Amino acid sequence: MAIASRVSKRALSTFAAAKLPEAVAAAEPLPPAAPAPCERAAGRVLGFEDTGRLFAGEPTSALVRTLAALQALSVGPLVDAATAALRSPAVAGSALGRAAARATAYRHFCAGETADEAAAVVRRLWRGGMGGILDYGIEDAEDGHACDRNAAGFIAAVDVAASLPPGSASVCIKITALCPIALLEKASDLLRWQKKHPSFSLPWKAHSFPILSDSSPLYLTASEPPALTAEEERELELAHERLLAVCARCAERGIPLLVDAEYATVQPAIDYFTLVGALAFNGEGEARAADGERPIVHGTIQAYLRDARDRLEAMVAAAERERVRLGLKVVRGAYLTRETRLAASLGVPSPIHGSIQDTHDCYNGCAAFLLDRVRRGSASVMLATHNIESGQLAAAQALELGIPKGDRNLQFAQLMGMADGLSLSLRNAGFQVSKYLPYGPVEQIIPYLIRRAEENRGLLSASSFDRQLLRTELARRVKAAVVGRE
């Protein structure tokens, strides 16, 4: 039974009922702030030396709060104690524990508990010359009822994004919120087995771009997995309908959709879902390239995976053959510990690159490969990075390739509460920049907060550079205030 490539009436009627908050719907569009001229000191595209210009418009109180939060998150024992507490049901489930999380990490990394609060953050960012990525912060779904509820939440996020100034917002979703996690694991096993044995039949599989490569961690499926039951095939079809309903609302509203990558046990099924959505909604590549519009559906490449470049090249080549404009978000990856532990438990090599430099090289190589496709008009890319060097390299290459800074098919992104110096420098250089804005009840966001706290002191952290910039700017402001009183 092949998955339908169009959204069924059942899907639209079930998931499209979310209403727009009146306060959001009535919001007046706000013009983006004009970026300052690009400074190319010492041949560098991005400028960090003039912190007064870099943080212009940022209140001193906000800089102090950010510095305090980043400093606390840089203390390893404190982060370990906090994450252990958040993992404890006794703490995370208590009113006191939620209040403590809300006043600390939640306030720093999250845009609020409701879509209205997140929308207000997008408006503030837009006034400052940046956009926002709305992320309704929900984690893995266990059953179809939870998936239906999550789909309605994602559609509501799309409607909120559509009420904001044009071009100011996009929406990020997780496939693990739209399909029961156990089914994604089973489908991923079957997709890996088919990669190893191409003649192996998957009657439910629709046409897609390449999902796996020879270098992918196929060892996760060591023996032939059982076929999906009729009930599981039906649930998989419902999951596709949920995704396609969200895609359809994004297409109707003109809102880009970013699909997050996750961990290796479910990533093949996530890529399969994403690419089927791209085939349905990213067509007519030449027309989209001509008018500068971004494609609707964007998948994610995790550069810390050894097979990232192989899979990227295969899917881009397939998309170009079929004249489908591919949208991709490039990240380094956020499941390092989980992937390493799983590989060790199986006695196999880790799917993660052997060194941080290998990961940096893979990220920069993937970015360069996709920037060339942006120049050709065959792809849209969001470079999500906290790494200063990666930002510098990508910005310089974009200029060398002649990609206009206002081209919406080249976007940079950083998480709320992290790498603000890089975000502001990219904005000042004239590039399109967005901040990733998770929102939702505190107890719902706790798994996200744990990952951000761990990331901030680990492999991907750029917080030491941000802390240095913040200290320099705060010292400059104190000195200016003292001199001004003399």
Protein backbone atom coordinates (compact mmCIF):
# COMPACT_ATOMS: atom_id res chain seq x y z
CA MET A 1 0.00 0.00 0.00
CA ALA A 2 1.78 3.14 -1.18
CA ILE A 3 1.49 6.36 0.78
CA ALA A 4 -0.70 8.98 -0.87
CA SER A 5 1.20 11.98 -2.21
CA ARG A 6 -1.66 14.37 -1.56
CA VAL A 7 -3.31 15.46 1.64
CA SER A 8 -6.53 13.59 2.31
CA LYS A 9 -9.75 15.33 3.31
CA ARG A 10 -9.59 13.42 6.58
CA ALA A 11 -6.16 14.89 7.38
CA LEU A 12 -7.18 18.45 6.59
CA SER A 13 -10.40 18.24 8.55
CA THR A 14 -8.68 16.67 11.54
CA PHE A 15 -5.62 18.89 11.81
CA ALA A 16 -6.64 22.23 10.30
CA ALA A 17 -9.00 23.32 13.06
CA ALA A 18 -6.50 25.37 15.07
CA LYS A 19 -7.67 29.02 15.30
CA LEU A 20 -5.45 32.05 15.22
CA PRO A 21 -5.29 34.07 18.45
CA GLU A 22 -7.03 37.37 17.81
CA ALA A 23 -4.16 39.39 19.24
CA VAL A 24 -1.72 37.76 16.85
CA ALA A 25 -3.99 37.99 13.82
CA ALA A 26 -4.43 41.71 14.34
CA ALA A 27 -0.71 42.45 14.59
CA GLU A 28 0.58 45.14 12.24
CA PRO A 29 3.57 44.15 10.05
CA LEU A 30 6.84 45.71 11.17
CA PRO A 31 9.66 46.62 8.78
CA PRO A 32 13.01 44.95 9.36
CA ALA A 33 15.84 47.13 10.57
CA ALA A 34 18.22 48.14 7.82
CA PRO A 35 21.54 46.32 8.22
CA ALA A 36 24.67 48.37 8.66
CA PRO A 37 27.23 48.37 5.86
CA CYS A 38 29.50 45.36 5.72
CA GLU A 39 32.92 45.83 7.32
CA ARG A 40 35.67 43.63 5.91
CA ALA A 41 38.53 44.37 8.31
CA ALA A 42 41.63 42.32 7.52
CA GLY A 43 39.75 40.60 4.71
CA ARG A 44 37.12 39.15 7.06
CA VAL A 45 33.46 39.33 6.10
CA LEU A 46 32.20 39.39 9.69
CA GLY A 47 33.27 41.98 12.26
CA PHE A 48 33.47 41.36 16.02
CA GLU A 49 36.00 43.98 17.12
CA ASP A 50 33.54 46.87 17.51
CA THR A 51 31.28 45.50 20.24
CA GLY A 52 29.50 48.84 20.50
CA ARG A 53 28.22 48.41 16.97
CA LEU A 54 27.74 44.67 17.38
CA PHE A 55 25.42 45.02 20.38
CA ALA A 56 23.85 48.34 19.39
CA GLY A 57 20.21 48.35 20.45
CA GLU A 58 20.71 45.56 23.01
CA PRO A 59 19.82 46.76 26.55
CA THR A 60 22.55 46.48 29.16
CA SER A 61 20.23 44.51 31.43
CA ALA A 62 19.78 41.88 28.69
CA LEU A 63 23.55 41.61 28.19
CA VAL A 64 24.09 41.13 31.92
CA ARG A 65 21.44 38.38 32.09
CA THR A 66 22.91 36.62 29.08
CA LEU A 67 26.45 36.75 30.48
CA ALA A 68 25.28 35.43 33.84
CA ALA A 69 23.41 32.54 32.19
CA LEU A 70 26.30 31.57 29.90
CA GLN A 71 28.77 31.80 32.77
CA ALA A 72 26.64 29.48 34.92
CA LEU A 73 26.23 27.02 32.05
CA SER A 74 30.00 26.93 31.53
CA VAL A 75 30.55 25.45 35.02
CA GLY A 76 30.63 21.70 34.43
CA PRO A 77 29.66 20.45 37.92
CA LEU A 78 26.79 22.93 38.07
CA VAL A 79 25.47 21.80 34.67
CA ASP A 80 25.79 18.14 35.70
CA ALA A 81 23.82 18.77 38.90
CA ALA A 82 21.15 20.78 37.10
CA THR A 83 20.63 18.23 34.32
CA ALA A 84 20.49 15.38 36.85
CA ALA A 85 17.81 17.30 38.72
CA LEU A 86 15.82 17.97 35.53
CA ARG A 87 15.96 14.27 34.66
CA SER A 88 14.47 13.36 38.04
CA PRO A 89 10.65 13.04 37.88
CA ALA A 90 10.50 14.17 41.50
CA VAL A 91 12.16 17.47 40.60
CA ALA A 92 10.90 18.07 37.08
CA GLY A 93 7.36 17.13 38.08
CA SER A 94 7.22 19.42 41.08
CA ALA A 95 6.01 23.02 41.10
CA LEU A 96 9.26 24.12 42.73
CA GLY A 97 11.38 22.33 40.13
CA ARG A 98 9.40 23.85 37.25
CA ALA A 99 9.68 27.31 38.81
CA ALA A 100 13.45 26.95 39.14
CA ALA A 101 13.75 25.79 35.51
CA ARG A 102 11.51 28.62 34.33
CA ALA A 103 13.61 31.26 36.09
CA THR A 104 16.94 29.96 34.76
CA ALA A 105 17.55 27.83 31.65
CA TYR A 106 13.98 28.15 30.34
CA ARG A 107 14.09 31.93 30.40
CA HIS A 108 17.42 31.95 28.58
CA PHE A 109 16.75 29.35 25.85
CA CYS A 110 12.97 29.54 25.29
CA ALA A 111 10.57 32.09 23.80
CA GLY A 112 7.66 31.52 26.20
CA GLU A 113 4.90 29.08 27.07
CA THR A 114 2.48 30.03 24.30
CA ALA A 115 2.56 30.83 20.60
CA ASP A 116 1.55 34.42 21.42
CA GLU A 117 4.63 34.85 23.61
CA ALA A 118 6.88 33.35 20.91
CA ALA A 119 5.29 35.65 18.31
CA ALA A 120 6.20 38.65 20.45
CA VAL A 121 9.84 37.51 20.42
CA VAL A 122 9.73 37.21 16.61
CA ARG A 123 8.45 40.80 16.36
CA ARG A 124 11.25 42.01 18.61
CA LEU A 125 13.83 40.15 16.53
CA TRP A 126 12.33 41.52 13.32
CA ARG A 127 12.64 45.08 14.57
CA GLY A 128 16.32 44.30 15.13
CA GLY A 129 16.83 42.90 11.63
CA MET A 130 16.51 39.17 12.32
CA GLY A 131 13.82 36.51 11.96
CA GLY A 132 12.54 33.69 14.16
CA ILE A 133 11.99 29.93 13.81
CA LEU A 134 8.93 28.85 15.78
CA ASP A 135 9.44 25.46 17.41
CA TYR A 136 6.47 24.04 19.29
CA GLY A 137 8.54 22.14 21.82
CA ILE A 138 7.22 18.61 21.99
CA GLU A 139 9.16 15.38 22.11
CA ASP A 140 8.52 11.79 21.04
CA ALA A 141 4.89 10.66 20.63
CA GLU A 142 3.84 7.23 21.86
CA ASP A 143 0.47 6.81 20.14
CA GLY A 144 -1.81 8.14 17.41
CA HIS A 145 -3.82 10.39 19.73
CA ALA A 146 -0.66 12.24 20.81
CA CYS A 147 0.38 12.52 17.15
CA ASP A 148 -2.97 14.09 16.18
CA ARG A 149 -2.66 16.58 19.03
CA ASN A 150 0.90 17.46 18.01
CA ALA A 151 -0.11 17.94 14.36
CA ALA A 152 -2.76 20.45 15.44
CA GLY A 153 -0.12 22.26 17.50
CA PHE A 154 2.23 22.47 14.51
CA ILE A 155 -0.54 23.82 12.29
CA ALA A 156 -1.34 26.44 14.91
CA ALA A 157 2.34 27.46 14.84
CA VAL A 158 2.13 27.86 11.05
CA ASP A 159 -0.89 30.12 11.42
CA VAL A 160 0.91 32.23 14.00
CA ALA A 161 3.94 32.52 11.71
CA ALA A 162 1.66 33.61 8.86
CA SER A 163 0.25 36.42 11.00
CA LEU A 164 3.70 37.94 11.50
CA PRO A 165 5.53 40.28 9.09
CA PRO A 166 6.18 38.52 5.76
CA GLY A 167 9.51 36.73 5.76
CA SER A 168 10.02 37.08 9.51
CA ALA A 169 9.15 33.53 10.62
CA SER A 170 9.44 29.88 9.68
CA VAL A 171 8.32 26.76 11.56
CA CYS A 172 10.31 23.75 12.78
CA ILE A 173 8.79 20.33 13.50
CA LYS A 174 9.81 16.85 14.63
CA ILE A 175 8.65 13.73 12.79
CA THR A 176 8.88 11.87 16.11
CA ALA A 177 5.95 14.01 17.24
CA LEU A 178 3.83 12.95 14.23
CA CYS A 179 4.52 9.21 14.15
CA PRO A 180 4.77 6.84 17.14
CA ILE A 181 8.42 6.36 17.97
CA ALA A 182 8.24 2.55 17.91
CA LEU A 183 6.87 2.64 14.36
CA LEU A 184 9.64 4.99 13.22
CA GLU A 185 12.22 2.60 14.63
CA LYS A 186 10.64 -0.34 12.82
CA ALA A 187 10.36 1.54 9.52
CA SER A 188 13.99 2.65 9.83
CA ASP A 189 15.07 -0.97 10.32
CA LEU A 190 13.22 -1.95 7.16
CA LEU A 191 14.75 0.90 5.16
CA ARG A 192 18.24 -0.06 6.30
CA TRP A 193 17.60 -3.70 5.40
CA GLN A 194 16.41 -2.68 1.93
CA LYS A 195 19.61 -0.65 1.46
CA LYS A 196 21.62 -3.77 2.25
CA HIS A 197 19.33 -5.96 0.09
CA PRO A 198 17.89 -3.83 -2.77
CA SER A 199 15.52 -6.58 -3.91
CA PHE A 200 13.82 -6.56 -0.51
CA SER A 201 10.27 -5.31 -1.05
CA LEU A 202 8.60 -2.59 1.04
CA PRO A 203 5.01 -2.39 -0.26
CA TRP A 204 4.26 0.74 1.79
CA LYS A 205 7.22 2.74 0.49
CA ALA A 206 6.47 5.64 -1.84
CA HIS A 207 8.91 7.19 -4.29
CA SER A 208 11.66 9.11 -2.52
CA PHE A 209 15.17 10.43 -2.98
CA PRO A 210 18.08 8.34 -1.65
CA ILE A 211 17.90 8.04 2.13
CA LEU A 212 20.96 5.99 3.03
CA SER A 213 24.45 5.50 1.61
CA ASP A 214 26.96 2.65 1.76
CA SER A 215 28.71 4.53 4.57
CA SER A 216 25.53 4.80 6.68
CA PRO A 217 25.35 2.85 9.98
CA LEU A 218 23.54 -0.15 8.48
CA TYR A 219 24.83 -2.34 11.33
CA LEU A 220 21.90 -1.08 13.41
CA THR A 221 19.84 -3.65 11.50
CA ALA A 222 21.85 -6.86 11.80
CA SER A 223 19.11 -9.27 10.69
CA GLU A 224 15.97 -9.13 8.59
CA PRO A 225 13.30 -7.22 10.52
CA PRO A 226 9.63 -8.27 10.55
CA ALA A 227 7.36 -6.62 7.99
CA LEU A 228 4.88 -3.98 9.05
CA THR A 229 1.47 -5.34 9.97
CA ALA A 230 -1.62 -4.02 8.21
CA GLU A 231 -2.35 -1.90 11.27
CA GLU A 232 1.19 -0.49 11.28
CA GLU A 233 0.98 0.33 7.57
CA ARG A 234 -2.23 2.22 8.25
CA GLU A 235 -0.60 4.11 11.13
CA LEU A 236 2.34 4.97 8.90
CA GLU A 237 -0.07 6.32 6.29
CA LEU A 238 -1.78 8.43 8.97
CA ALA A 239 1.60 9.81 9.99
CA HIS A 240 2.24 10.84 6.39
CA GLU A 241 -1.15 12.50 6.28
CA ARG A 242 -0.29 14.48 9.41
CA LEU A 243 2.97 15.65 7.87
CA LEU A 244 1.38 16.48 4.52
CA ALA A 245 -1.37 18.43 6.28
CA VAL A 246 1.27 20.57 8.00
CA CYS A 247 3.11 20.98 4.67
CA ALA A 248 -0.12 21.98 2.95
CA ARG A 249 -0.82 24.68 5.54
CA CYS A 250 2.75 25.96 5.13
CA ALA A 251 2.31 26.06 1.34
CA GLU A 252 -1.02 27.86 1.69
CA ARG A 253 0.49 30.43 4.08
CA GLY A 254 3.89 30.73 2.39
CA ILE A 255 5.80 29.59 5.49
CA PRO A 256 9.02 27.52 5.18
CA LEU A 257 8.94 24.26 7.13
CA LEU A 258 12.12 22.89 8.76
CA VAL A 259 12.13 19.21 9.73
CA ASP A 260 14.56 18.39 12.53
CA ALA A 261 16.99 15.49 12.36
CA GLU A 262 17.22 13.18 15.35
CA TYR A 263 19.06 10.02 16.40
CA ALA A 264 20.28 7.20 14.17
CA THR A 265 17.72 4.58 15.17
CA VAL A 266 14.92 6.65 13.61
CA GLN A 267 16.71 8.97 11.15
CA PRO A 268 16.13 6.87 7.98
CA ALA A 269 12.36 7.04 8.50
CA ILE A 270 12.58 10.77 9.28
CA ASP A 271 14.47 11.39 6.03
CA TYR A 272 11.96 9.23 4.16
CA PHE A 273 9.02 11.25 5.48
CA THR A 274 10.81 14.54 4.79
CA LEU A 275 11.78 13.72 1.22
CA VAL A 276 8.30 12.46 0.34
CA GLY A 277 7.04 15.82 1.61
CA ALA A 278 9.64 17.64 -0.47
CA LEU A 279 8.57 15.75 -3.59
CA ALA A 280 4.97 16.78 -2.99
CA PHE A 281 5.59 20.47 -2.20
CA ASN A 282 8.98 21.58 -3.58
CA GLY A 283 8.36 21.04 -7.29
CA GLU A 284 8.58 23.49 -10.16
CA GLY A 285 12.19 24.27 -9.32
CA GLU A 286 12.81 26.75 -12.12
CA ALA A 287 9.74 28.81 -11.28
CA ARG A 288 10.69 29.01 -7.63
CA ALA A 289 14.28 29.90 -8.51
CA ALA A 290 13.12 32.67 -10.81
CA ASP A 291 11.01 34.46 -8.21
CA GLY A 292 13.41 33.90 -5.29
CA GLU A 293 10.96 31.96 -3.15
CA ARG A 294 12.23 29.36 -0.74
CA PRO A 295 10.97 25.80 -1.15
CA ILE A 296 8.45 24.76 1.50
CA VAL A 297 9.99 21.60 3.01
CA HIS A 298 13.55 21.61 4.39
CA GLY A 299 15.26 18.48 5.72
CA THR A 300 18.32 18.41 7.96
CA ILE A 301 21.86 17.14 7.48
CA GLN A 302 23.88 16.39 10.64
CA ALA A 303 27.53 16.99 9.80
CA TYR A 304 28.89 15.06 12.77
CA LEU A 305 27.79 11.83 11.06
CA ARG A 306 30.36 10.06 8.90
CA ASP A 307 27.83 9.46 6.12
CA ALA A 308 26.57 13.05 5.98
CA ARG A 309 28.37 14.14 2.81
CA ASP A 310 27.58 10.93 0.92
CA ARG A 311 23.87 11.19 1.68
CA LEU A 312 23.83 14.89 0.90
CA GLU A 313 25.37 14.47 -2.54
CA ALA A 314 23.05 11.57 -3.40
CA MET A 315 19.84 13.37 -2.45
CA VAL A 316 20.87 16.62 -4.15
CA ALA A 317 21.72 14.78 -7.37
CA ALA A 318 18.37 12.98 -7.31
CA ALA A 319 16.47 16.21 -6.66
CA GLU A 320 18.21 17.96 -9.54
CA ARG A 321 17.39 15.08 -11.89
CA GLU A 322 13.72 15.35 -10.95
CA ARG A 323 13.69 19.16 -11.04
CA VAL A 324 12.71 19.41 -7.39
CA ARG A 325 14.18 22.29 -5.45
CA LEU A 326 15.71 20.81 -2.31
CA GLY A 327 15.63 22.70 0.99
CA LEU A 328 18.17 21.66 3.62
CA LYS A 329 19.23 22.80 7.06
CA VAL A 330 22.84 21.95 7.97
CA VAL A 331 23.72 21.39 11.64
CA ARG A 332 26.60 19.73 13.43
CA GLY A 333 24.37 17.47 15.56
CA ALA A 334 23.06 17.22 19.10
CA TYR A 335 22.98 13.50 19.97
CA LEU A 336 26.70 12.82 20.36
CA THR A 337 26.45 11.02 23.71
CA ARG A 338 23.49 8.90 22.67
CA GLU A 339 25.07 7.79 19.38
CA THR A 340 28.42 7.00 20.98
CA ARG A 341 26.85 4.93 23.75
CA LEU A 342 24.68 2.98 21.32
CA ALA A 343 27.61 2.11 19.07
CA ALA A 344 29.70 1.05 22.07
CA SER A 345 26.90 -1.20 23.33
CA LEU A 346 26.80 -2.91 19.92
CA GLY A 347 30.57 -3.19 19.69
CA VAL A 348 30.72 -1.25 16.41
CA PRO A 349 32.46 1.99 15.35
CA SER A 350 30.68 5.18 16.26
CA PRO A 351 28.72 6.82 13.40
CA ILE A 352 30.18 10.13 14.57
CA HIS A 353 33.40 11.53 13.07
CA GLY A 354 36.50 10.61 15.03
CA SER A 355 37.54 14.18 15.83
CA ILE A 356 35.98 17.59 16.20
CA GLN A 357 38.10 18.83 13.29
CA ASP A 358 36.63 16.12 11.05
CA THR A 359 33.18 17.35 12.03
CA HIS A 360 34.15 20.96 11.28
CA ASP A 361 35.57 19.92 7.91
CA CYS A 362 32.44 17.96 7.05
CA TYR A 363 30.18 20.87 8.04
CA ASN A 364 32.16 23.39 6.02
CA GLY A 365 32.32 21.02 3.04
CA CYS A 366 28.56 20.42 3.10
CA ALA A 367 27.96 24.17 3.39
CA ALA A 368 30.23 24.91 0.41
CA PHE A 369 28.57 22.20 -1.67
CA LEU A 370 25.11 23.63 -0.97
CA LEU A 371 26.12 27.26 -1.46
CA ASP A 372 27.12 26.38 -5.00
CA ARG A 373 23.63 24.88 -5.50
CA VAL A 374 22.08 28.07 -4.12
CA ARG A 375 24.05 30.01 -6.71
CA ARG A 376 22.69 27.71 -9.42
CA GLY A 377 19.14 28.11 -8.14
CA SER A 378 18.65 24.40 -7.40
CA ALA A 379 18.68 24.44 -3.59
CA SER A 380 17.84 26.47 -0.51
CA VAL A 381 20.05 26.21 2.57
CA MET A 382 19.87 27.22 6.22
CA LEU A 383 23.30 27.11 7.84
CA ALA A 384 22.61 26.53 11.53
CA THR A 385 25.92 27.00 13.32
CA HIS A 386 27.45 28.47 16.46
CA ASN A 387 30.96 28.09 15.06
CA ILE A 388 32.62 31.40 14.23
CA GLU A 389 34.94 29.95 11.60
CA SER A 390 32.08 28.21 9.80
CA GLY A 391 30.11 31.44 9.76
CA GLN A 392 33.09 33.36 8.38
CA LEU A 393 33.82 30.78 5.69
CA ALA A 394 30.22 30.51 4.51
CA ALA A 395 29.72 34.28 4.45
CA ALA A 396 32.94 34.78 2.46
CA GLN A 397 32.07 32.05 -0.02
CA ALA A 398 28.57 33.42 -0.52
CA LEU A 399 30.07 36.78 -1.49
CA GLU A 400 32.61 35.12 -3.79
CA LEU A 401 29.83 33.18 -5.53
CA GLY A 402 27.82 36.36 -6.01
CA ILE A 403 24.84 35.21 -3.91
CA PRO A 404 22.91 38.38 -3.00
CA LYS A 405 22.80 38.98 0.75
CA GLY A 406 19.05 39.40 0.55
CA ASP A 407 18.58 36.01 -1.16
CA ARG A 408 16.07 34.15 1.02
CA ASN A 409 17.54 30.84 -0.14
CA LEU A 410 20.59 31.47 2.03
CA GLN A 411 19.78 31.74 5.71
CA PHE A 412 21.89 31.54 8.84
CA ALA A 413 20.48 30.42 12.18
CA GLN A 414 21.48 30.11 15.82
CA LEU A 415 19.61 28.95 18.91
CA MET A 416 17.95 31.47 21.15
CA GLY A 417 20.36 32.18 23.99
CA MET A 418 23.46 31.00 22.13
CA ALA A 419 25.98 32.52 19.70
CA ASP A 420 24.34 35.95 19.76
CA GLY A 421 27.62 37.55 18.70
CA LEU A 422 27.67 35.47 15.52
CA SER A 423 23.98 36.20 14.84
CA LEU A 424 24.45 39.93 15.21
CA SER A 425 27.64 40.00 13.14
CA LEU A 426 25.98 38.10 10.28
CA ARG A 427 23.03 40.50 10.49
CA ASN A 428 25.34 43.52 10.44
CA ALA A 429 27.05 42.08 7.35
CA GLY A 430 23.65 42.03 5.61
CA PHE A 431 22.84 38.30 5.69
CA GLN A 432 19.47 36.75 6.51
CA VAL A 433 19.60 35.48 10.11
CA SER A 434 17.03 33.75 12.32
CA LYS A 435 17.00 32.61 15.93
CA TYR A 436 15.52 29.21 16.81
CA LEU A 437 12.65 29.81 19.28
CA PRO A 438 11.29 26.80 21.20
CA TYR A 439 8.11 27.46 23.14
CA GLY A 440 5.67 25.48 25.27
CA PRO A 441 4.98 24.61 28.93
CA VAL A 442 8.09 24.22 31.06
CA GLU A 443 7.54 20.52 31.75
CA GLN A 444 7.18 19.91 28.00
CA ILE A 445 10.45 21.70 27.20
CA ILE A 446 12.64 20.05 29.84
CA PRO A 447 14.19 17.45 27.44
CA TYR A 448 15.19 20.31 25.15
CA LEU A 449 16.67 22.27 28.06
CA ILE A 450 18.78 19.27 29.07
CA ARG A 451 20.24 19.01 25.56
CA ARG A 452 20.98 22.74 25.41
CA ALA A 453 22.67 22.75 28.82
CA GLU A 454 24.87 19.81 27.83
CA GLU A 455 25.64 21.28 24.40
CA ASN A 456 26.65 24.63 25.86
CA ARG A 457 29.60 23.06 27.67
CA GLY A 458 30.40 20.38 25.11
CA LEU A 459 31.37 19.74 21.51
CA LEU A 460 29.41 22.51 19.80
CA SER A 461 29.79 25.33 22.30
CA ALA A 462 30.65 28.87 21.26
CA SER A 463 29.73 30.37 24.63
CA SER A 464 33.32 31.25 25.64
CA PHE A 465 33.59 33.58 22.64
CA ASP A 466 30.18 35.08 23.44
CA ARG A 467 31.18 35.61 27.07
CA GLN A 468 34.32 37.41 25.93
CA LEU A 469 32.32 39.69 23.63
CA LEU A 470 29.76 40.42 26.36
CA ARG A 471 32.44 41.27 28.94
CA THR A 472 34.15 43.60 26.47
CA GLU A 473 30.92 45.40 25.67
CA LEU A 474 29.81 45.69 29.29
CA ALA A 475 33.24 47.07 30.25
CA ARG A 476 33.00 49.56 27.39
CA ARG A 477 29.56 50.71 28.57
CA VAL A 478 30.71 51.07 32.19
CA LYS A 479 33.73 53.08 31.07
CA ALA A 480 31.55 55.29 28.86
CA ALA A 481 29.12 55.87 31.73
CA VAL A 482 31.94 56.81 34.13
CA VAL A 483 33.63 59.13 31.63
CA GLY A 484 30.27 60.69 30.81
CA ARG A 485 29.76 61.68 34.46
CA GLU A 486 33.17 63.30 34.82
